[in-house]
N, C-alpha and C. Protein backbone atom coordinates (compact mmCIF):
# COMPACT_ATOMS: atom_id res chain seq x y z
N MET A 1 53.78 83.38 78.95
CA MET A 1 54.27 84.64 79.83
C MET A 1 53.34 84.37 81.57
N LYS A 2 52.02 84.39 80.84
CA LYS A 2 51.06 84.56 82.11
C LYS A 2 51.56 83.40 83.17
N ALA A 3 51.46 82.36 82.70
CA ALA A 3 51.95 80.92 83.49
C ALA A 3 53.14 81.28 84.50
N SER A 4 54.38 81.86 83.60
CA SER A 4 55.80 82.09 84.34
C SER A 4 55.11 83.11 85.30
N LEU A 5 54.29 84.29 85.01
CA LEU A 5 53.88 85.21 86.01
C LEU A 5 53.57 84.81 87.29
N ARG A 6 52.77 83.82 87.21
CA ARG A 6 51.89 83.16 87.94
C ARG A 6 52.78 82.18 88.85
N LEU A 7 53.68 81.60 88.42
CA LEU A 7 54.68 80.93 89.30
C LEU A 7 55.56 81.54 90.00
N SER A 8 55.56 82.50 89.62
CA SER A 8 56.48 83.44 90.08
C SER A 8 55.88 84.03 91.28
N GLY A 9 54.66 84.35 91.38
CA GLY A 9 53.93 84.67 92.13
C GLY A 9 53.60 83.60 93.64
N LEU A 10 53.77 82.58 93.09
CA LEU A 10 53.53 81.36 94.07
C LEU A 10 54.77 81.08 94.82
N ALA A 11 56.02 81.60 94.04
CA ALA A 11 57.59 81.38 94.78
C ALA A 11 57.35 82.36 95.71
N LEU A 12 57.29 83.71 95.26
CA LEU A 12 56.89 84.98 96.12
C LEU A 12 56.12 84.90 97.23
N VAL A 13 54.89 84.29 97.23
CA VAL A 13 54.20 84.30 98.19
C VAL A 13 54.88 83.19 99.01
N THR A 14 55.18 82.22 98.80
CA THR A 14 55.57 80.55 99.68
C THR A 14 56.97 81.35 100.41
N ALA A 15 58.03 81.88 99.58
CA ALA A 15 59.25 82.79 100.19
C ALA A 15 58.72 83.79 101.71
N ALA A 16 57.38 84.72 101.10
CA ALA A 16 56.78 85.20 102.15
C ALA A 16 56.23 84.47 103.42
N LEU A 17 56.09 83.56 103.01
CA LEU A 17 55.49 82.52 104.27
C LEU A 17 56.37 81.60 105.17
N LEU A 18 57.70 81.63 104.86
CA LEU A 18 58.54 80.72 105.80
C LEU A 18 58.49 80.82 106.69
N GLY A 19 58.23 82.16 107.45
CA GLY A 19 58.11 82.36 108.67
C GLY A 19 56.77 83.06 109.54
N PRO A 20 55.69 82.29 108.89
CA PRO A 20 54.36 83.17 108.98
C PRO A 20 54.09 83.39 111.05
N PRO A 21 53.39 84.46 110.70
CA PRO A 21 52.72 85.06 111.73
C PRO A 21 51.83 83.81 112.61
N ALA A 22 51.98 84.09 114.13
CA ALA A 22 50.54 83.07 115.06
C ALA A 22 49.36 83.68 114.51
N CYS A 23 48.93 84.86 114.11
CA CYS A 23 47.91 85.34 113.92
C CYS A 23 48.06 86.13 112.56
N PRO A 24 46.74 85.85 111.70
CA PRO A 24 47.30 86.31 110.36
C PRO A 24 46.66 87.80 110.64
N PRO A 25 47.34 88.71 110.86
CA PRO A 25 46.77 90.43 111.14
C PRO A 25 46.67 90.68 109.47
N ALA A 26 45.36 91.74 109.25
CA ALA A 26 45.54 92.14 107.74
C ALA A 26 46.70 93.09 107.28
N LEU A 27 47.02 93.98 108.59
CA LEU A 27 48.21 94.92 108.45
C LEU A 27 48.97 94.74 109.44
N VAL A 28 50.09 94.26 109.18
CA VAL A 28 51.24 93.68 110.17
C VAL A 28 51.78 95.28 110.63
N GLY A 29 52.00 95.64 111.85
CA GLY A 29 52.30 96.84 112.16
C GLY A 29 52.14 98.22 111.45
N LEU A 30 50.65 98.52 111.24
CA LEU A 30 50.38 99.73 110.50
C LEU A 30 50.64 100.60 111.68
N ALA A 31 50.22 100.62 112.78
CA ALA A 31 50.48 101.61 113.53
C ALA A 31 51.72 102.08 113.92
N HIS A 32 52.43 101.24 113.72
CA HIS A 32 54.04 101.51 113.96
C HIS A 32 54.65 102.29 112.91
N ALA A 33 53.84 101.53 111.73
CA ALA A 33 54.69 102.37 110.11
C ALA A 33 54.10 103.43 110.29
N GLN A 34 52.51 103.90 110.72
CA GLN A 34 52.10 105.21 110.32
C GLN A 34 52.70 106.47 111.46
N ALA A 35 53.34 105.48 112.69
CA ALA A 35 53.83 106.79 113.74
C ALA A 35 55.24 106.91 113.08
N GLN A 36 55.78 106.77 112.22
CA GLN A 36 57.31 107.16 111.58
C GLN A 36 57.29 107.80 110.60
N LYS A 37 58.35 108.12 109.82
CA LYS A 37 58.40 109.00 109.04
C LYS A 37 58.31 108.14 107.37
N THR A 38 57.34 108.40 106.85
CA THR A 38 57.08 107.76 105.79
C THR A 38 58.41 107.92 104.94
N PRO A 39 59.35 106.39 104.70
CA PRO A 39 60.34 106.47 103.43
C PRO A 39 60.19 106.31 102.29
N SER A 40 61.21 106.47 101.46
CA SER A 40 61.50 106.37 100.12
C SER A 40 60.69 104.74 99.72
N PRO A 41 59.78 105.34 98.45
CA PRO A 41 59.44 103.73 98.06
C PRO A 41 60.23 102.68 97.93
N PRO A 42 61.99 102.84 97.42
CA PRO A 42 62.74 101.70 97.58
C PRO A 42 62.86 101.02 99.07
N ALA A 43 63.18 101.73 99.79
CA ALA A 43 63.07 101.30 100.97
C ALA A 43 61.78 101.18 102.09
N ARG A 44 61.05 101.78 101.92
CA ARG A 44 59.62 100.95 101.86
C ARG A 44 59.13 99.78 101.92
N ALA A 45 59.69 99.11 100.05
CA ALA A 45 59.24 98.04 99.34
C ALA A 45 60.67 97.02 100.24
N ALA A 46 61.73 97.27 100.59
CA ALA A 46 62.70 96.61 101.32
C ALA A 46 62.54 96.09 102.65
N ARG A 47 61.82 97.14 103.25
CA ARG A 47 61.61 97.05 104.85
C ARG A 47 60.55 95.87 104.66
N ARG A 48 59.26 96.14 103.72
CA ARG A 48 58.55 95.29 104.28
C ARG A 48 58.32 93.68 103.25
N GLY A 49 59.50 93.75 102.12
CA GLY A 49 59.59 92.28 102.15
C GLY A 49 58.67 92.20 101.35
N PRO A 50 58.81 90.17 100.46
CA PRO A 50 57.95 89.54 99.81
C PRO A 50 56.36 90.06 99.75
N ARG A 51 55.82 90.15 101.03
CA ARG A 51 54.47 90.30 101.09
C ARG A 51 54.30 91.47 100.63
N ALA A 52 54.75 92.50 100.32
CA ALA A 52 54.43 93.75 99.92
C ALA A 52 54.32 93.48 98.69
N LEU A 53 54.62 92.75 97.81
CA LEU A 53 54.52 92.47 96.57
C LEU A 53 53.13 91.46 96.16
N ILE A 54 52.86 91.02 96.84
CA ILE A 54 51.45 89.97 96.69
C ILE A 54 50.26 90.86 96.08
N PRO A 55 49.20 90.68 95.23
CA PRO A 55 48.53 92.06 94.74
C PRO A 55 47.52 91.78 95.29
N ASP A 56 47.34 93.30 96.02
CA ASP A 56 46.05 93.87 96.94
C ASP A 56 44.57 93.96 96.34
N GLY A 57 44.62 93.49 95.12
CA GLY A 57 43.31 93.39 94.54
C GLY A 57 43.36 93.00 92.99
N GLY A 58 42.14 93.05 92.52
CA GLY A 58 41.86 93.19 91.44
C GLY A 58 42.28 91.68 90.13
N ALA A 59 42.49 91.53 89.22
CA ALA A 59 42.52 90.42 88.61
C ALA A 59 44.23 89.77 88.60
N GLU A 60 44.79 90.34 89.15
CA GLU A 60 46.38 89.71 89.40
C GLU A 60 45.87 88.95 90.48
N ARG A 61 44.88 89.54 91.67
CA ARG A 61 45.02 88.75 92.95
C ARG A 61 43.81 87.41 92.49
N ALA A 62 43.30 87.63 91.54
CA ALA A 62 42.52 86.69 91.07
C ALA A 62 43.13 85.59 90.22
N LEU A 63 44.46 85.96 89.73
CA LEU A 63 45.19 84.95 89.13
C LEU A 63 46.24 84.31 89.70
N LEU A 64 46.62 84.95 90.74
CA LEU A 64 47.55 84.16 92.13
C LEU A 64 46.32 83.05 92.64
N LEU A 65 45.59 83.81 93.17
CA LEU A 65 44.54 82.72 93.92
C LEU A 65 44.44 81.36 92.75
N ASP A 66 43.74 81.68 91.74
CA ASP A 66 43.62 80.41 90.84
C ASP A 66 44.88 79.45 90.91
N GLU A 67 45.86 80.00 90.98
CA GLU A 67 47.34 79.52 90.58
C GLU A 67 47.84 78.77 91.93
N LEU A 68 47.19 79.46 93.24
CA LEU A 68 47.78 78.69 94.40
C LEU A 68 46.53 77.73 94.48
N TYR A 69 45.29 77.62 94.31
CA TYR A 69 44.15 76.84 94.52
C TYR A 69 44.98 75.32 93.20
N ALA A 70 45.10 75.86 92.53
CA ALA A 70 45.43 74.75 91.68
C ALA A 70 46.65 73.54 92.59
N HIS A 71 47.79 74.38 93.05
CA HIS A 71 48.81 73.96 93.59
C HIS A 71 48.08 73.16 94.83
N LEU A 72 47.16 73.68 95.75
CA LEU A 72 46.31 72.65 96.53
C LEU A 72 46.06 71.86 96.41
N ALA A 73 45.51 71.72 95.25
CA ALA A 73 44.06 70.71 94.85
C ALA A 73 45.32 69.54 94.15
N THR A 74 46.75 69.93 93.83
CA THR A 74 47.64 68.89 93.27
C THR A 74 48.85 68.72 94.16
N ALA A 75 48.97 69.13 95.70
CA ALA A 75 49.97 69.11 96.55
C ALA A 75 50.88 67.73 96.69
N ALA A 76 51.99 67.50 96.57
CA ALA A 76 52.47 66.37 96.73
C ALA A 76 52.73 65.93 98.12
N SER A 77 52.73 66.80 98.68
CA SER A 77 52.73 66.56 100.37
C SER A 77 51.68 66.79 101.05
N GLU A 78 51.83 66.92 102.47
CA GLU A 78 51.05 67.51 103.55
C GLU A 78 51.59 69.06 104.02
N GLU A 79 53.20 68.30 103.70
CA GLU A 79 53.60 69.95 104.11
C GLU A 79 53.70 70.89 103.08
N MET A 80 53.50 70.68 101.65
CA MET A 80 53.56 71.55 100.63
C MET A 80 51.99 72.27 100.83
N ALA A 81 51.14 71.00 101.02
CA ALA A 81 49.75 71.86 101.05
C ALA A 81 49.50 73.01 102.25
N GLN A 82 49.81 72.48 103.21
CA GLN A 82 50.16 73.70 104.20
C GLN A 82 50.70 74.81 104.07
N LEU A 83 51.75 74.85 103.03
CA LEU A 83 52.29 75.80 103.00
C LEU A 83 51.68 76.51 101.99
N THR A 84 51.30 75.96 101.10
CA THR A 84 50.04 76.26 100.16
C THR A 84 49.00 77.35 100.66
N SER A 85 48.44 76.62 102.03
CA SER A 85 46.90 77.14 102.24
C SER A 85 47.36 78.29 103.02
N GLN A 86 48.79 78.21 104.01
CA GLN A 86 49.16 79.35 104.32
C GLN A 86 48.98 80.55 103.39
N ALA A 87 49.63 80.20 102.51
CA ALA A 87 50.04 81.49 101.52
C ALA A 87 48.98 81.84 100.81
N ILE A 88 47.83 80.85 100.91
CA ILE A 88 46.14 81.41 100.38
C ILE A 88 45.22 82.23 101.50
N GLU A 89 45.92 82.11 102.56
CA GLU A 89 45.16 82.66 103.59
C GLU A 89 45.69 84.13 103.47
N HIS A 90 47.19 83.98 103.61
CA HIS A 90 47.62 85.52 103.27
C HIS A 90 46.88 86.63 102.26
N VAL A 91 46.54 86.18 101.01
CA VAL A 91 46.21 86.67 99.96
C VAL A 91 45.15 86.95 100.25
N TRP A 92 43.75 85.92 100.90
CA TRP A 92 42.50 86.43 101.30
C TRP A 92 42.86 87.81 101.69
N LEU A 93 43.64 88.17 102.53
CA LEU A 93 43.53 89.39 103.94
C LEU A 93 43.53 90.25 103.08
N LYS A 94 44.10 90.53 101.92
CA LYS A 94 44.27 91.66 100.43
C LYS A 94 42.99 92.26 100.31
N SER A 95 42.48 93.06 100.77
CA SER A 95 41.36 93.61 100.14
C SER A 95 41.12 94.50 99.06
N GLY A 96 42.41 95.25 99.06
CA GLY A 96 42.68 96.22 97.89
C GLY A 96 42.12 97.63 98.91
N SER A 97 41.80 97.65 100.01
CA SER A 97 41.57 98.96 101.07
C SER A 97 42.13 99.21 101.95
N GLU A 98 42.95 100.24 102.53
CA GLU A 98 43.60 100.38 103.74
C GLU A 98 42.42 100.46 104.79
N THR A 99 41.36 100.96 104.28
CA THR A 99 40.39 101.37 105.32
C THR A 99 39.82 99.84 105.90
N VAL A 100 39.39 99.08 104.87
CA VAL A 100 39.02 97.62 104.95
C VAL A 100 40.26 96.88 105.72
N ASN A 101 41.36 96.87 105.13
CA ASN A 101 42.34 96.18 106.30
C ASN A 101 42.29 96.68 107.37
N LEU A 102 42.12 97.67 107.79
CA LEU A 102 42.18 98.21 109.34
C LEU A 102 41.09 97.66 110.02
N LEU A 103 40.14 97.76 109.29
CA LEU A 103 38.91 97.34 109.96
C LEU A 103 38.84 95.79 110.53
N MET A 104 39.63 95.51 109.03
CA MET A 104 39.52 93.66 109.44
C MET A 104 40.54 93.56 111.15
N GLU A 105 41.89 94.24 110.82
CA GLU A 105 42.52 94.20 111.95
C GLU A 105 41.92 94.29 113.80
N ARG A 106 41.14 95.61 113.49
CA ARG A 106 40.71 95.78 114.34
C ARG A 106 39.19 94.44 114.83
N ALA A 107 38.88 93.83 113.89
CA ALA A 107 37.73 93.17 114.23
C ALA A 107 38.56 91.82 114.90
N LEU A 108 39.71 91.51 114.04
CA LEU A 108 40.37 90.65 114.56
C LEU A 108 40.92 90.42 115.84
N LYS A 109 41.51 91.85 116.23
CA LYS A 109 41.99 92.05 117.70
C LYS A 109 40.30 91.79 118.97
N ALA A 110 39.38 92.49 118.38
CA ALA A 110 38.06 92.09 119.31
C ALA A 110 37.63 91.18 119.30
N VAL A 111 37.74 90.00 118.50
CA VAL A 111 37.71 88.53 118.68
C VAL A 111 38.67 87.64 119.62
N ASN A 112 39.78 88.05 119.06
CA ASN A 112 40.81 87.60 120.32
C ASN A 112 40.58 88.12 121.52
N GLU A 113 40.01 89.34 121.86
CA GLU A 113 39.82 89.46 123.46
C GLU A 113 38.23 89.17 123.45
N LYS A 114 37.59 88.45 123.17
CA LYS A 114 36.16 87.89 122.92
C LYS A 114 34.94 89.17 123.32
N LYS A 115 35.59 90.04 122.46
CA LYS A 115 34.61 91.26 122.02
C LYS A 115 33.66 91.13 121.00
N LEU A 116 32.74 90.69 120.66
CA LEU A 116 32.24 89.59 119.63
C LEU A 116 31.12 91.15 119.38
N ASN A 117 30.52 91.71 120.30
CA ASN A 117 29.41 92.56 119.66
C ASN A 117 30.67 93.61 118.89
N LEU A 118 31.89 93.87 119.26
CA LEU A 118 32.39 95.13 118.77
C LEU A 118 32.97 94.23 117.22
N ALA A 119 33.47 93.11 117.64
CA ALA A 119 33.71 92.22 116.10
C ALA A 119 33.27 92.35 115.40
N LEU A 120 31.63 91.99 115.45
CA LEU A 120 30.59 92.35 114.56
C LEU A 120 30.46 94.08 113.90
N LYS A 121 30.18 94.66 114.52
CA LYS A 121 30.10 96.17 114.06
C LYS A 121 31.33 96.45 113.24
N LEU A 122 32.48 95.83 113.59
CA LEU A 122 33.53 96.61 112.72
C LEU A 122 33.19 95.60 111.40
N LEU A 123 33.08 94.30 111.35
CA LEU A 123 32.62 93.30 110.33
C LEU A 123 31.39 93.88 109.32
N ASP A 124 30.52 94.43 110.20
CA ASP A 124 29.19 94.93 109.29
C ASP A 124 29.77 96.20 108.48
N ALA A 125 30.60 96.99 108.88
CA ALA A 125 31.14 98.14 108.43
C ALA A 125 32.10 97.36 107.06
N VAL A 126 32.90 96.01 107.04
CA VAL A 126 33.29 95.94 106.14
C VAL A 126 32.72 95.36 105.19
N VAL A 127 31.63 94.67 105.37
CA VAL A 127 30.89 94.13 104.27
C VAL A 127 29.95 95.32 103.51
N GLU A 128 29.83 96.28 104.09
CA GLU A 128 28.88 97.71 103.65
C GLU A 128 29.92 98.35 102.84
N LEU A 129 31.32 98.21 102.97
CA LEU A 129 32.67 98.90 102.49
C LEU A 129 32.79 98.14 101.09
N ALA A 130 32.65 96.93 101.33
CA ALA A 130 33.79 96.19 100.72
C ALA A 130 32.76 94.72 100.34
N PRO A 131 31.48 94.76 99.49
CA PRO A 131 30.51 93.70 99.48
C PRO A 131 31.10 92.61 98.93
N ASP A 132 32.28 92.84 97.86
CA ASP A 132 32.63 91.77 97.07
C ASP A 132 33.89 91.18 97.34
N TYR A 133 34.48 91.69 98.62
CA TYR A 133 35.61 91.20 99.59
C TYR A 133 35.09 89.69 100.51
N ALA A 134 35.58 88.75 99.86
CA ALA A 134 34.84 87.35 100.53
C ALA A 134 35.67 87.47 101.89
N GLU A 135 36.41 87.48 101.76
CA GLU A 135 37.15 87.56 103.70
C GLU A 135 36.59 88.05 104.67
N GLY A 136 35.74 89.62 104.43
CA GLY A 136 34.91 90.19 105.20
C GLY A 136 33.67 89.36 105.77
N TRP A 137 33.14 88.78 104.43
CA TRP A 137 32.08 87.84 104.98
C TRP A 137 32.27 86.75 106.08
N ASN A 138 33.51 85.79 105.34
CA ASN A 138 33.69 84.74 106.01
C ASN A 138 34.00 85.29 107.83
N ARG A 139 34.90 86.36 107.91
CA ARG A 139 35.28 86.81 109.41
C ARG A 139 33.77 86.98 110.04
N ARG A 140 32.99 87.62 109.62
CA ARG A 140 31.36 87.78 110.21
C ARG A 140 30.91 86.64 110.25
N ALA A 141 31.03 85.57 109.34
CA ALA A 141 30.03 83.95 109.51
C ALA A 141 30.52 83.79 110.87
N TYR A 142 31.96 83.83 110.87
CA TYR A 142 32.46 83.15 112.48
C TYR A 142 32.37 83.83 113.81
N VAL A 143 32.03 85.10 113.62
CA VAL A 143 31.37 86.02 114.62
C VAL A 143 30.18 85.53 115.21
N LEU A 144 29.70 85.52 113.65
CA LEU A 144 27.75 85.03 113.90
C LEU A 144 27.90 83.80 114.55
N TYR A 145 28.57 82.59 113.65
CA TYR A 145 28.43 81.31 114.36
C TYR A 145 28.78 81.55 116.18
N SER A 146 29.68 82.08 116.69
CA SER A 146 30.53 82.07 117.90
C SER A 146 29.41 82.60 118.74
N ARG A 147 28.07 83.38 118.01
CA ARG A 147 26.96 84.16 118.92
C ARG A 147 25.95 83.05 118.55
N ASN A 148 26.32 82.02 118.26
CA ASN A 148 25.04 80.87 118.22
C ASN A 148 23.97 81.54 116.92
N GLU A 149 24.42 82.26 116.04
CA GLU A 149 23.27 83.10 115.01
C GLU A 149 23.61 81.90 113.92
N TYR A 150 23.33 80.99 113.94
CA TYR A 150 23.30 79.89 112.67
C TYR A 150 23.24 80.26 111.64
N ALA A 151 21.68 80.70 111.30
CA ALA A 151 21.33 81.03 109.93
C ALA A 151 21.67 82.33 109.44
N ARG A 152 22.01 83.60 110.34
CA ARG A 152 22.87 84.31 109.50
C ARG A 152 24.36 83.43 109.00
N ALA A 153 24.90 83.44 109.83
CA ALA A 153 26.29 82.52 110.04
C ALA A 153 26.47 82.18 108.69
N LEU A 154 25.24 80.75 108.17
CA LEU A 154 25.14 80.29 107.28
C LEU A 154 24.69 81.25 105.79
N GLY A 155 23.78 82.33 105.90
CA GLY A 155 24.00 83.33 105.09
C GLY A 155 25.04 83.65 104.10
N ASP A 156 25.90 84.06 105.53
CA ASP A 156 27.35 84.90 104.85
C ASP A 156 28.35 83.88 104.63
N LEU A 157 28.48 83.12 105.03
CA LEU A 157 29.17 81.61 104.45
C LEU A 157 28.80 81.09 102.66
N ARG A 158 27.51 81.09 102.51
CA ARG A 158 27.09 81.21 101.43
C ARG A 158 27.36 82.51 100.47
N ARG A 159 27.39 83.29 100.77
CA ARG A 159 27.67 84.86 100.08
C ARG A 159 29.27 84.42 99.70
N VAL A 160 30.06 84.00 101.04
CA VAL A 160 31.64 84.01 100.29
C VAL A 160 31.63 82.82 99.64
N LEU A 161 31.05 81.55 99.62
CA LEU A 161 31.58 80.62 98.34
C LEU A 161 30.76 81.26 97.05
N ALA A 162 29.97 82.16 96.82
CA ALA A 162 29.32 82.33 95.86
C ALA A 162 30.17 83.09 95.39
N LEU A 163 31.19 84.01 95.75
CA LEU A 163 32.47 85.14 95.62
C LEU A 163 33.82 83.88 95.39
N ASP A 164 34.03 83.20 96.30
CA ASP A 164 34.71 82.33 96.11
C ASP A 164 34.65 80.82 96.39
N PRO A 165 34.43 80.05 95.39
CA PRO A 165 33.76 78.48 95.74
C PRO A 165 35.14 77.98 96.06
N ASN A 166 36.32 78.00 96.10
CA ASN A 166 37.26 77.42 97.02
C ASN A 166 37.75 78.11 98.30
N HIS A 167 36.81 78.56 98.79
CA HIS A 167 37.14 78.80 99.90
C HIS A 167 37.24 78.17 101.34
N PHE A 168 38.51 77.30 101.24
CA PHE A 168 37.80 76.22 102.33
C PHE A 168 37.75 76.37 103.44
N LYS A 169 38.28 77.49 104.06
CA LYS A 169 37.98 77.51 105.27
C LYS A 169 36.02 77.93 105.49
N ALA A 170 35.91 78.55 104.59
CA ALA A 170 34.09 78.78 104.15
C ALA A 170 33.65 77.44 104.33
N LEU A 171 33.97 76.55 103.54
CA LEU A 171 33.35 75.42 103.45
C LEU A 171 33.62 74.52 104.85
N ASP A 172 34.47 74.59 105.43
CA ASP A 172 34.92 74.00 106.63
C ASP A 172 33.71 74.37 107.64
N GLY A 173 33.78 75.81 107.55
CA GLY A 173 32.43 76.38 108.75
C GLY A 173 30.95 75.87 108.38
N LEU A 174 30.74 75.71 106.73
CA LEU A 174 29.53 75.39 106.33
C LEU A 174 29.31 74.03 106.83
N GLY A 175 29.90 73.10 106.58
CA GLY A 175 30.16 71.75 107.21
C GLY A 175 29.86 71.86 108.58
N GLN A 176 30.58 72.38 109.20
CA GLN A 176 30.35 72.10 110.86
C GLN A 176 28.80 72.81 110.89
N ILE A 177 28.48 73.66 110.57
CA ILE A 177 27.31 74.30 111.04
C ILE A 177 26.27 73.38 110.44
N LEU A 178 26.45 72.89 109.36
CA LEU A 178 25.27 71.44 108.72
C LEU A 178 25.05 70.34 109.37
N ARG A 179 26.20 69.81 110.48
CA ARG A 179 26.63 68.55 111.02
C ARG A 179 25.95 69.27 112.37
N GLU A 180 25.95 70.50 112.59
CA GLU A 180 25.49 70.49 114.11
C GLU A 180 24.20 70.74 113.86
N LEU A 181 23.57 70.98 112.80
CA LEU A 181 22.06 71.28 112.44
C LEU A 181 21.58 69.59 112.44
N ASP A 182 22.55 69.09 112.51
CA ASP A 182 22.02 67.42 111.95
C ASP A 182 21.35 67.18 110.52
N HIS A 183 21.93 68.27 109.53
CA HIS A 183 21.90 67.93 108.38
C HIS A 183 23.04 67.14 107.89
N LYS A 184 23.51 65.87 108.00
CA LYS A 184 24.11 65.11 107.54
C LYS A 184 24.67 65.02 106.64
N ARG A 185 23.69 64.84 105.28
CA ARG A 185 23.96 64.53 103.83
C ARG A 185 24.28 65.79 103.48
N ALA A 186 23.90 66.82 103.42
CA ALA A 186 23.84 68.29 103.13
C ALA A 186 25.68 68.32 103.50
N ALA A 187 25.73 68.22 104.45
CA ALA A 187 27.35 68.30 105.48
C ALA A 187 28.26 67.30 104.56
N LEU A 188 28.02 66.04 104.50
CA LEU A 188 28.54 65.29 103.70
C LEU A 188 29.19 65.90 102.47
N GLN A 189 28.58 66.04 101.70
CA GLN A 189 28.60 66.84 100.23
C GLN A 189 29.43 68.20 100.50
N VAL A 190 29.31 68.64 101.58
CA VAL A 190 30.11 70.17 101.96
C VAL A 190 31.85 69.56 102.08
N TYR A 191 32.13 68.54 102.66
CA TYR A 191 33.41 67.92 102.83
C TYR A 191 33.89 67.38 101.89
N ARG A 192 33.01 66.74 101.16
CA ARG A 192 33.77 66.17 99.96
C ARG A 192 34.12 67.21 98.99
N ARG A 193 33.91 68.12 98.99
CA ARG A 193 33.99 69.17 97.93
C ARG A 193 35.05 69.51 98.72
N LEU A 194 35.18 69.81 100.03
CA LEU A 194 36.23 71.01 100.40
C LEU A 194 37.62 69.95 100.57
N LEU A 195 37.32 68.39 100.35
CA LEU A 195 38.37 67.70 100.23
C LEU A 195 38.95 67.66 98.53
N GLU A 196 38.21 68.10 97.86
CA GLU A 196 38.82 68.56 96.29
C GLU A 196 39.27 69.75 96.36
N VAL A 197 39.47 70.75 97.51
CA VAL A 197 40.01 71.79 97.12
C VAL A 197 41.27 71.65 98.16
N HIS A 198 41.11 70.82 99.11
CA HIS A 198 42.20 70.78 99.92
C HIS A 198 42.30 69.35 100.41
N PRO A 199 43.20 68.41 99.92
CA PRO A 199 43.00 66.96 100.09
C PRO A 199 43.68 66.87 101.10
N TYR A 200 44.14 67.58 101.73
CA TYR A 200 45.08 66.91 103.12
C TYR A 200 44.27 67.61 104.42
N MET A 201 43.27 68.20 104.52
CA MET A 201 42.70 68.95 105.39
C MET A 201 42.35 67.66 106.25
N ALA A 202 42.96 67.18 107.24
CA ALA A 202 42.62 66.44 108.45
C ALA A 202 41.14 66.19 109.12
N SER A 203 40.86 67.52 109.15
CA SER A 203 39.61 67.13 109.88
C SER A 203 38.43 67.05 108.78
N ALA A 204 38.87 67.21 107.49
CA ALA A 204 37.36 67.40 106.63
C ALA A 204 37.69 65.67 106.24
N LYS A 205 38.87 64.82 106.48
CA LYS A 205 38.95 63.66 106.01
C LYS A 205 38.05 63.01 107.23
N SER A 206 38.47 63.29 108.42
CA SER A 206 37.70 62.59 109.67
C SER A 206 36.07 62.60 109.65
N ALA A 207 35.48 63.79 108.97
CA ALA A 207 34.35 64.30 108.72
C ALA A 207 33.58 63.63 107.67
N VAL A 208 34.16 63.39 106.82
CA VAL A 208 33.66 62.28 105.59
C VAL A 208 33.87 61.17 105.82
N GLU A 209 34.72 60.36 106.43
CA GLU A 209 34.44 58.88 107.26
C GLU A 209 33.59 58.73 108.05
N GLU A 210 33.38 59.94 108.90
CA GLU A 210 32.37 59.29 109.87
C GLU A 210 30.80 59.75 109.60
N LEU A 211 30.94 60.49 108.45
CA LEU A 211 29.52 60.90 108.07
C LEU A 211 29.28 60.03 106.91
N SER A 212 30.36 59.58 105.70
CA SER A 212 29.49 58.26 105.20
C SER A 212 29.25 57.15 105.67
N ARG A 213 30.12 57.17 106.94
CA ARG A 213 29.11 56.00 107.67
C ARG A 213 27.80 56.25 107.85
N GLU A 214 27.72 57.13 108.54
CA GLU A 214 26.00 57.28 109.36
C GLU A 214 25.04 57.93 108.23
N VAL A 215 25.47 58.07 107.24
CA VAL A 215 24.71 58.56 105.88
C VAL A 215 24.62 57.23 105.05
N GLU A 216 25.80 56.68 104.66
CA GLU A 216 25.31 55.68 103.39
C GLU A 216 25.79 54.46 104.16
N GLY A 217 26.66 54.00 105.28
CA GLY A 217 26.61 52.98 106.13
C GLY A 217 28.08 52.50 105.39
N GLN A 218 29.14 53.45 105.19
CA GLN A 218 30.34 53.06 104.58
C GLN A 218 31.14 53.65 104.93
N GLY A 219 32.61 53.51 104.80
CA GLY A 219 33.82 54.60 104.99
C GLY A 219 33.94 54.97 103.81
N ILE A 220 35.20 55.70 103.63
CA ILE A 220 35.41 56.36 102.35
C ILE A 220 35.46 55.33 101.27
């Protein structure tokens, strides 16, 4: 029963992502939805579509992520891996808190507008309110990296990976920073771990090939 539920969850998320947004806002159309009269629960669910049924937190969300990571690691094609990774990224955004989701949406808007100080303040609030929410730490790490605060960014990325060892964006960010700091052997280990999680990530394949030559004198 659990296996069938998880597979149904995968199919649900995949269906929801057939037309993924250009950027992954935490709450799509929140302001618009609040401005309108609240519909009845059946109408609200129908209008929101399959994404409304993605678990918003807790054990169900963890089970779905485990299943999606398993599919990603064994994907039969690059196309399937891309679709699965997109599904995972949408699940990452489900914090279980409307307040945190709204802060994440505002932080993303601030980053897109190059307002890094504002984004950092918003993400500081996110990690304070939801210290077990991995994506909050990941987004803050990106902002810190963009501000050249590598030490703090590394700390946040390690926090992400303590909460979610398969978080491929955090692994990628960690590898990039270690590489920029000339810690090539450590970066190589991170990128190899990344390819175990996401075997079709082209940038990780290139990094492993280049770093293995530099560190070990050989290709993959």
